[in-house]
Amino acid sequence: MIVLKKILLVEDNPNDVELTIEALSEHNLANRVVVLNDGVEAIDYLYYQGQYQHREKEKPAVILLDIKMPRMDGIEVLEAIKNDKDLKSIPVVMLTSSREEPDLKRCYELGVNAYVVKPVNFKDFFEAVECLGIFWAVINELPPEGKL
């Protein structure tokens, strides 16, 4: 039996959220997706703060993170995650429309696991998200808690 792991989607564009959820639904992965609208919410979620202080103690299998968001951008979130000994083992995939070389370079300097530019074409976007979801939420093995 395949155990579905939680996917954290941090995205401020409602259309991209809807398309991502729809693509993940094709492989029954959407029921374990937590959607957050900006970097501040992501940090609160990961650190069990604010409205997330009583959430289940479970790390996501992967974080799909947009770069351009209000309040706190994805690069700032990535930096916080990769500089935290308890969070740095969580895979982070930048799922962004930014093709800017400085963004790409900075994300890899910080330790991003993958950088995926959102395809403009609906079908290509759908397929990219399906592949990401299957790999990171089903196939990829995470290190045991506290072993990294």
N, C-alpha and C. Protein backbone atom coordinates (compact mmCIF):
# COMPACT_ATOMS: atom_id res chain seq x y z
N MET A 1 0.84 -1.19 0.00
CA MET A 1 0.00 0.00 0.00
C MET A 1 0.88 1.25 0.00
N ILE A 2 0.55 2.20 -0.85
CA ILE A 2 1.29 3.44 -0.95
C ILE A 2 0.75 4.42 0.09
N VAL A 3 1.65 4.97 0.88
CA VAL A 3 1.27 5.97 1.87
C VAL A 3 1.53 7.34 1.27
N LEU A 4 0.47 8.14 1.17
CA LEU A 4 0.63 9.48 0.62
C LEU A 4 1.22 10.40 1.67
N LYS A 5 2.19 11.15 1.24
CA LYS A 5 2.84 12.11 2.13
C LYS A 5 2.28 13.50 1.86
N LYS A 6 2.36 14.35 2.85
CA LYS A 6 1.81 15.70 2.74
C LYS A 6 2.65 16.57 1.82
N ILE A 7 1.97 17.34 0.97
CA ILE A 7 2.59 18.31 0.08
C ILE A 7 2.19 19.69 0.57
N LEU A 8 3.16 20.57 0.73
CA LEU A 8 2.89 21.95 1.12
C LEU A 8 3.03 22.81 -0.13
N LEU A 9 1.95 23.46 -0.53
CA LEU A 9 1.94 24.34 -1.70
C LEU A 9 1.84 25.78 -1.21
N VAL A 10 2.88 26.56 -1.49
CA VAL A 10 2.91 27.96 -1.08
C VAL A 10 2.82 28.80 -2.35
N GLU A 11 1.64 29.34 -2.59
CA GLU A 11 1.34 30.00 -3.87
C GLU A 11 0.26 31.05 -3.65
N ASP A 12 0.49 32.26 -4.15
CA ASP A 12 -0.49 33.33 -3.96
C ASP A 12 -1.45 33.50 -5.14
N ASN A 13 -1.21 32.84 -6.25
CA ASN A 13 -2.07 32.97 -7.42
C ASN A 13 -3.15 31.89 -7.37
N PRO A 14 -4.43 32.28 -7.19
CA PRO A 14 -5.51 31.29 -7.08
C PRO A 14 -5.63 30.38 -8.31
N ASN A 15 -5.34 30.92 -9.50
CA ASN A 15 -5.41 30.10 -10.71
C ASN A 15 -4.34 29.00 -10.70
N ASP A 16 -3.14 29.35 -10.27
CA ASP A 16 -2.06 28.36 -10.19
C ASP A 16 -2.34 27.33 -9.10
N VAL A 17 -2.95 27.77 -8.00
CA VAL A 17 -3.34 26.82 -6.94
C VAL A 17 -4.35 25.83 -7.51
N GLU A 18 -5.36 26.34 -8.19
CA GLU A 18 -6.40 25.47 -8.75
C GLU A 18 -5.83 24.47 -9.75
N LEU A 19 -4.96 24.94 -10.65
CA LEU A 19 -4.35 24.04 -11.63
C LEU A 19 -3.47 22.99 -10.96
N THR A 20 -2.73 23.40 -9.94
CA THR A 20 -1.84 22.48 -9.24
C THR A 20 -2.65 21.39 -8.54
N ILE A 21 -3.72 21.80 -7.85
CA ILE A 21 -4.58 20.83 -7.16
C ILE A 21 -5.22 19.88 -8.16
N GLU A 22 -5.67 20.43 -9.27
CA GLU A 22 -6.29 19.59 -10.30
C GLU A 22 -5.30 18.56 -10.85
N ALA A 23 -4.08 18.99 -11.11
CA ALA A 23 -3.06 18.08 -11.63
C ALA A 23 -2.73 16.99 -10.62
N LEU A 24 -2.61 17.37 -9.35
CA LEU A 24 -2.33 16.38 -8.31
C LEU A 24 -3.50 15.42 -8.10
N SER A 25 -4.71 15.91 -8.33
CA SER A 25 -5.91 15.07 -8.18
C SER A 25 -5.93 13.92 -9.18
N GLU A 26 -5.33 14.13 -10.33
CA GLU A 26 -5.29 13.08 -11.36
C GLU A 26 -4.66 11.80 -10.84
N HIS A 27 -3.79 11.92 -9.85
CA HIS A 27 -3.12 10.75 -9.26
C HIS A 27 -3.44 10.61 -7.79
N ASN A 28 -4.60 11.15 -7.40
CA ASN A 28 -5.10 11.05 -6.03
C ASN A 28 -4.11 11.58 -5.00
N LEU A 29 -3.39 12.65 -5.33
CA LEU A 29 -2.41 13.24 -4.42
C LEU A 29 -2.94 14.51 -3.76
N ALA A 30 -4.07 15.02 -4.20
CA ALA A 30 -4.55 16.33 -3.75
C ALA A 30 -5.11 16.32 -2.33
N ASN A 31 -5.52 15.15 -1.84
CA ASN A 31 -6.11 15.14 -0.50
C ASN A 31 -5.08 15.36 0.60
N ARG A 32 -3.81 15.37 0.28
CA ARG A 32 -2.74 15.60 1.27
C ARG A 32 -1.99 16.89 0.96
N VAL A 33 -2.67 17.84 0.31
CA VAL A 33 -2.04 19.11 -0.03
C VAL A 33 -2.53 20.19 0.94
N VAL A 34 -1.58 20.92 1.51
CA VAL A 34 -1.90 22.08 2.33
C VAL A 34 -1.52 23.29 1.51
N VAL A 35 -2.47 24.20 1.30
CA VAL A 35 -2.23 25.39 0.50
C VAL A 35 -2.07 26.60 1.42
N LEU A 36 -0.96 27.30 1.23
CA LEU A 36 -0.69 28.53 1.97
C LEU A 36 -0.49 29.64 0.94
N ASN A 37 -0.89 30.86 1.30
CA ASN A 37 -0.94 31.94 0.31
C ASN A 37 0.28 32.85 0.26
N ASP A 38 1.18 32.75 1.23
CA ASP A 38 2.38 33.58 1.18
C ASP A 38 3.44 33.02 2.12
N GLY A 39 4.59 33.65 2.10
CA GLY A 39 5.72 33.17 2.90
C GLY A 39 5.51 33.26 4.39
N VAL A 40 4.80 34.27 4.85
CA VAL A 40 4.54 34.41 6.28
C VAL A 40 3.70 33.23 6.77
N GLU A 41 2.67 32.87 6.00
CA GLU A 41 1.87 31.69 6.36
C GLU A 41 2.71 30.43 6.36
N ALA A 42 3.61 30.31 5.41
CA ALA A 42 4.48 29.12 5.33
C ALA A 42 5.35 29.01 6.58
N ILE A 43 5.94 30.11 7.00
CA ILE A 43 6.78 30.10 8.20
C ILE A 43 5.94 29.76 9.43
N ASP A 44 4.76 30.37 9.54
CA ASP A 44 3.87 30.04 10.67
C ASP A 44 3.53 28.56 10.68
N TYR A 45 3.25 28.00 9.52
CA TYR A 45 2.91 26.59 9.41
C TYR A 45 4.08 25.70 9.84
N LEU A 46 5.24 25.98 9.30
CA LEU A 46 6.41 25.15 9.58
C LEU A 46 6.88 25.23 11.03
N TYR A 47 6.64 26.38 11.67
CA TYR A 47 7.07 26.56 13.06
C TYR A 47 5.92 26.42 14.07
N TYR A 48 4.77 25.92 13.58
CA TYR A 48 3.62 25.70 14.47
C TYR A 48 3.26 26.98 15.23
N GLN A 49 3.15 28.07 14.50
CA GLN A 49 2.85 29.37 15.09
C GLN A 49 1.46 29.84 14.65
N GLY A 50 0.94 30.83 15.36
CA GLY A 50 -0.33 31.46 14.97
C GLY A 50 -1.43 30.44 14.81
N GLN A 51 -2.15 30.52 13.71
CA GLN A 51 -3.27 29.62 13.47
C GLN A 51 -2.85 28.16 13.30
N TYR A 52 -1.56 27.91 13.17
CA TYR A 52 -1.06 26.54 12.97
C TYR A 52 -0.41 25.96 14.22
N GLN A 53 -0.55 26.64 15.34
CA GLN A 53 0.14 26.18 16.56
C GLN A 53 -0.35 24.82 17.06
N HIS A 54 -1.56 24.43 16.69
CA HIS A 54 -2.09 23.15 17.17
C HIS A 54 -2.21 22.11 16.05
N ARG A 55 -1.58 22.37 14.93
CA ARG A 55 -1.68 21.41 13.82
C ARG A 55 -0.92 20.13 14.16
N GLU A 56 -1.23 19.09 13.40
CA GLU A 56 -0.57 17.80 13.58
C GLU A 56 0.95 17.95 13.40
N LYS A 57 1.73 17.30 14.23
CA LYS A 57 3.20 17.36 14.15
C LYS A 57 3.66 16.44 13.03
N GLU A 58 3.74 17.00 11.84
CA GLU A 58 4.15 16.25 10.65
C GLU A 58 4.83 17.19 9.68
N LYS A 59 6.01 16.80 9.23
CA LYS A 59 6.70 17.58 8.22
C LYS A 59 6.15 17.20 6.85
N PRO A 60 6.08 18.16 5.93
CA PRO A 60 5.65 17.82 4.57
C PRO A 60 6.73 17.01 3.86
N ALA A 61 6.30 16.21 2.90
CA ALA A 61 7.24 15.44 2.08
C ALA A 61 7.98 16.36 1.12
N VAL A 62 7.32 17.44 0.73
CA VAL A 62 7.92 18.41 -0.18
C VAL A 62 7.18 19.73 -0.03
N ILE A 63 7.90 20.80 -0.30
CA ILE A 63 7.31 22.13 -0.34
C ILE A 63 7.42 22.64 -1.76
N LEU A 64 6.29 22.92 -2.38
CA LEU A 64 6.25 23.56 -3.70
C LEU A 64 6.10 25.05 -3.43
N LEU A 65 7.11 25.82 -3.80
CA LEU A 65 7.22 27.20 -3.33
C LEU A 65 7.34 28.17 -4.49
N ASP A 66 6.44 29.13 -4.53
CA ASP A 66 6.52 30.21 -5.51
C ASP A 66 7.54 31.23 -5.03
N ILE A 67 8.11 32.01 -5.92
CA ILE A 67 9.07 33.04 -5.51
C ILE A 67 8.37 34.37 -5.25
N LYS A 68 7.62 34.84 -6.21
CA LYS A 68 7.02 36.17 -6.13
C LYS A 68 5.71 36.11 -5.34
N MET A 69 5.79 36.48 -4.05
CA MET A 69 4.61 36.49 -3.18
C MET A 69 4.64 37.72 -2.29
N PRO A 70 3.46 38.15 -1.81
CA PRO A 70 3.43 39.30 -0.91
C PRO A 70 3.95 38.93 0.49
N ARG A 71 4.26 39.93 1.26
CA ARG A 71 4.70 39.86 2.66
C ARG A 71 6.07 39.21 2.83
N MET A 72 6.28 38.02 2.31
CA MET A 72 7.57 37.33 2.40
C MET A 72 7.71 36.47 1.16
N ASP A 73 8.75 36.69 0.38
CA ASP A 73 8.86 35.94 -0.88
C ASP A 73 9.44 34.54 -0.66
N GLY A 74 9.38 33.75 -1.71
CA GLY A 74 9.82 32.36 -1.64
C GLY A 74 11.30 32.18 -1.34
N ILE A 75 12.12 33.09 -1.80
CA ILE A 75 13.55 32.98 -1.52
C ILE A 75 13.82 33.18 -0.03
N GLU A 76 13.10 34.10 0.60
CA GLU A 76 13.24 34.30 2.04
C GLU A 76 12.78 33.06 2.81
N VAL A 77 11.71 32.43 2.35
CA VAL A 77 11.21 31.20 2.99
C VAL A 77 12.24 30.09 2.82
N LEU A 78 12.75 29.94 1.61
CA LEU A 78 13.77 28.92 1.33
C LEU A 78 14.97 29.12 2.24
N GLU A 79 15.42 30.35 2.38
CA GLU A 79 16.58 30.63 3.23
C GLU A 79 16.30 30.22 4.69
N ALA A 80 15.12 30.55 5.18
CA ALA A 80 14.76 30.18 6.56
C ALA A 80 14.74 28.66 6.74
N ILE A 81 14.20 27.95 5.77
CA ILE A 81 14.11 26.49 5.84
C ILE A 81 15.50 25.86 5.82
N LYS A 82 16.31 26.27 4.89
CA LYS A 82 17.63 25.64 4.72
C LYS A 82 18.63 26.05 5.80
N ASN A 83 18.32 27.09 6.56
CA ASN A 83 19.18 27.49 7.68
C ASN A 83 18.71 26.94 9.01
N ASP A 84 17.68 26.13 8.99
CA ASP A 84 17.12 25.56 10.22
C ASP A 84 17.43 24.06 10.27
N LYS A 85 18.14 23.62 11.29
CA LYS A 85 18.56 22.21 11.35
C LYS A 85 17.38 21.24 11.38
N ASP A 86 16.22 21.68 11.87
CA ASP A 86 15.06 20.80 11.93
C ASP A 86 14.25 20.78 10.64
N LEU A 87 14.44 21.76 9.78
CA LEU A 87 13.66 21.86 8.55
C LEU A 87 14.45 21.60 7.28
N LYS A 88 15.78 21.73 7.35
CA LYS A 88 16.59 21.72 6.13
C LYS A 88 16.50 20.43 5.32
N SER A 89 16.06 19.34 5.93
CA SER A 89 15.95 18.08 5.18
C SER A 89 14.67 18.00 4.35
N ILE A 90 13.74 18.95 4.53
CA ILE A 90 12.51 18.94 3.74
C ILE A 90 12.86 19.39 2.32
N PRO A 91 12.54 18.58 1.32
CA PRO A 91 12.81 19.00 -0.05
C PRO A 91 11.96 20.22 -0.42
N VAL A 92 12.59 21.17 -1.09
CA VAL A 92 11.90 22.36 -1.55
C VAL A 92 12.06 22.45 -3.06
N VAL A 93 10.93 22.60 -3.74
CA VAL A 93 10.92 22.78 -5.19
C VAL A 93 10.36 24.16 -5.47
N MET A 94 11.16 24.99 -6.10
CA MET A 94 10.65 26.29 -6.52
C MET A 94 9.79 26.04 -7.75
N LEU A 95 8.52 26.37 -7.66
CA LEU A 95 7.58 26.24 -8.77
C LEU A 95 7.15 27.67 -9.08
N THR A 96 7.81 28.27 -10.05
CA THR A 96 7.72 29.71 -10.22
C THR A 96 7.67 30.11 -11.69
N SER A 97 7.22 31.32 -11.92
CA SER A 97 7.23 31.84 -13.29
C SER A 97 8.51 32.63 -13.56
N SER A 98 9.36 32.78 -12.55
CA SER A 98 10.59 33.55 -12.70
C SER A 98 11.66 32.78 -13.47
N ARG A 99 12.07 33.37 -14.58
CA ARG A 99 13.18 32.84 -15.36
C ARG A 99 14.44 33.67 -15.12
N GLU A 100 14.38 34.54 -14.12
CA GLU A 100 15.50 35.45 -13.85
C GLU A 100 16.68 34.67 -13.30
N GLU A 101 17.82 34.83 -13.95
CA GLU A 101 19.03 34.10 -13.56
C GLU A 101 19.44 34.34 -12.10
N PRO A 102 19.33 35.59 -11.59
CA PRO A 102 19.69 35.79 -10.17
C PRO A 102 18.81 34.98 -9.22
N ASP A 103 17.52 34.83 -9.54
CA ASP A 103 16.63 34.01 -8.71
C ASP A 103 17.07 32.56 -8.73
N LEU A 104 17.31 32.04 -9.92
CA LEU A 104 17.76 30.66 -10.08
C LEU A 104 19.05 30.41 -9.31
N LYS A 105 20.01 31.29 -9.50
CA LYS A 105 21.32 31.15 -8.85
C LYS A 105 21.17 31.20 -7.33
N ARG A 106 20.42 32.17 -6.83
CA ARG A 106 20.26 32.32 -5.38
C ARG A 106 19.57 31.10 -4.76
N CYS A 107 18.56 30.58 -5.44
CA CYS A 107 17.85 29.40 -4.91
C CYS A 107 18.79 28.20 -4.79
N TYR A 108 19.62 27.99 -5.79
CA TYR A 108 20.57 26.86 -5.70
C TYR A 108 21.66 27.12 -4.66
N GLU A 109 22.07 28.37 -4.51
CA GLU A 109 23.04 28.69 -3.45
C GLU A 109 22.47 28.36 -2.07
N LEU A 110 21.18 28.55 -1.91
CA LEU A 110 20.52 28.29 -0.62
C LEU A 110 20.21 26.82 -0.40
N GLY A 111 20.29 26.00 -1.46
CA GLY A 111 20.06 24.57 -1.29
C GLY A 111 18.73 24.05 -1.79
N VAL A 112 18.10 24.76 -2.73
CA VAL A 112 16.84 24.26 -3.28
C VAL A 112 17.07 22.90 -3.93
N ASN A 113 16.07 22.04 -3.88
CA ASN A 113 16.19 20.70 -4.45
C ASN A 113 15.86 20.66 -5.94
N ALA A 114 15.02 21.59 -6.39
CA ALA A 114 14.70 21.68 -7.81
C ALA A 114 14.11 23.06 -8.08
N TYR A 115 14.29 23.51 -9.32
CA TYR A 115 13.78 24.82 -9.74
C TYR A 115 13.01 24.58 -11.02
N VAL A 116 11.70 24.71 -10.96
CA VAL A 116 10.84 24.43 -12.10
C VAL A 116 10.12 25.71 -12.51
N VAL A 117 10.34 26.14 -13.75
CA VAL A 117 9.63 27.30 -14.27
C VAL A 117 8.27 26.82 -14.74
N LYS A 118 7.22 27.48 -14.25
CA LYS A 118 5.85 27.10 -14.60
C LYS A 118 5.66 27.26 -16.10
N PRO A 119 5.31 26.17 -16.77
CA PRO A 119 5.02 26.29 -18.20
C PRO A 119 3.79 27.16 -18.42
N VAL A 120 3.79 27.93 -19.48
CA VAL A 120 2.65 28.79 -19.81
C VAL A 120 1.49 27.95 -20.34
N ASN A 121 1.81 26.93 -21.09
CA ASN A 121 0.80 26.06 -21.67
C ASN A 121 0.13 25.22 -20.58
N PHE A 122 -1.21 25.20 -20.57
CA PHE A 122 -1.96 24.48 -19.55
C PHE A 122 -1.56 23.01 -19.48
N LYS A 123 -1.50 22.34 -20.62
CA LYS A 123 -1.17 20.91 -20.64
C LYS A 123 0.23 20.65 -20.08
N ASP A 124 1.19 21.48 -20.45
CA ASP A 124 2.57 21.33 -19.96
C ASP A 124 2.65 21.59 -18.45
N PHE A 125 1.92 22.59 -17.97
CA PHE A 125 1.90 22.89 -16.54
C PHE A 125 1.33 21.70 -15.78
N PHE A 126 0.22 21.19 -16.28
CA PHE A 126 -0.47 20.04 -15.68
C PHE A 126 0.47 18.84 -15.56
N GLU A 127 1.16 18.53 -16.65
CA GLU A 127 2.08 17.38 -16.67
C GLU A 127 3.28 17.60 -15.73
N ALA A 128 3.79 18.82 -15.68
CA ALA A 128 4.93 19.11 -14.80
C ALA A 128 4.54 18.89 -13.34
N VAL A 129 3.37 19.38 -12.96
CA VAL A 129 2.91 19.23 -11.57
C VAL A 129 2.63 17.76 -11.25
N GLU A 130 2.05 17.04 -12.18
CA GLU A 130 1.82 15.60 -11.96
C GLU A 130 3.13 14.89 -11.65
N CYS A 131 4.14 15.15 -12.47
CA CYS A 131 5.45 14.50 -12.28
C CYS A 131 6.06 14.89 -10.94
N LEU A 132 6.00 16.17 -10.59
CA LEU A 132 6.54 16.61 -9.31
C LEU A 132 5.83 15.92 -8.15
N GLY A 133 4.51 15.87 -8.21
CA GLY A 133 3.74 15.25 -7.13
C GLY A 133 4.04 13.79 -6.96
N ILE A 134 4.09 13.07 -8.06
CA ILE A 134 4.37 11.63 -7.99
C ILE A 134 5.76 11.38 -7.42
N PHE A 135 6.75 12.11 -7.93
CA PHE A 135 8.11 11.88 -7.46
C PHE A 135 8.27 12.22 -5.98
N TRP A 136 7.90 13.46 -5.60
CA TRP A 136 8.20 13.92 -4.25
C TRP A 136 7.26 13.36 -3.18
N ALA A 137 6.00 13.08 -3.53
CA ALA A 137 5.04 12.63 -2.50
C ALA A 137 4.90 11.11 -2.45
N VAL A 138 5.35 10.42 -3.48
CA VAL A 138 5.18 8.96 -3.50
C VAL A 138 6.53 8.24 -3.58
N ILE A 139 7.36 8.61 -4.53
CA ILE A 139 8.59 7.85 -4.81
C ILE A 139 9.75 8.22 -3.89
N ASN A 140 9.97 9.51 -3.68
CA ASN A 140 11.14 9.97 -2.92
C ASN A 140 11.08 9.49 -1.47
N GLU A 141 12.23 9.07 -0.95
CA GLU A 141 12.35 8.65 0.44
C GLU A 141 13.02 9.77 1.23
N LEU A 142 12.40 10.16 2.34
CA LEU A 142 12.96 11.18 3.21
C LEU A 142 13.81 10.52 4.28
N PRO A 143 14.80 11.26 4.83
CA PRO A 143 15.58 10.69 5.92
C PRO A 143 14.70 10.52 7.15
N PRO A 144 15.00 9.54 8.00
CA PRO A 144 14.24 9.38 9.24
C PRO A 144 14.35 10.65 10.09
N GLU A 145 13.30 10.94 10.86
CA GLU A 145 13.30 12.12 11.73
C GLU A 145 14.53 12.12 12.63
N GLY A 146 15.17 13.27 12.70
CA GLY A 146 16.32 13.44 13.58
C GLY A 146 17.60 12.77 13.12
N LYS A 147 17.64 12.25 11.89
CA LYS A 147 18.82 11.53 11.41
C LYS A 147 19.66 12.34 10.42
N LEU A 148 19.39 13.62 10.32
CA LEU A 148 20.16 14.44 9.38
C LEU A 148 20.77 15.60 10.10
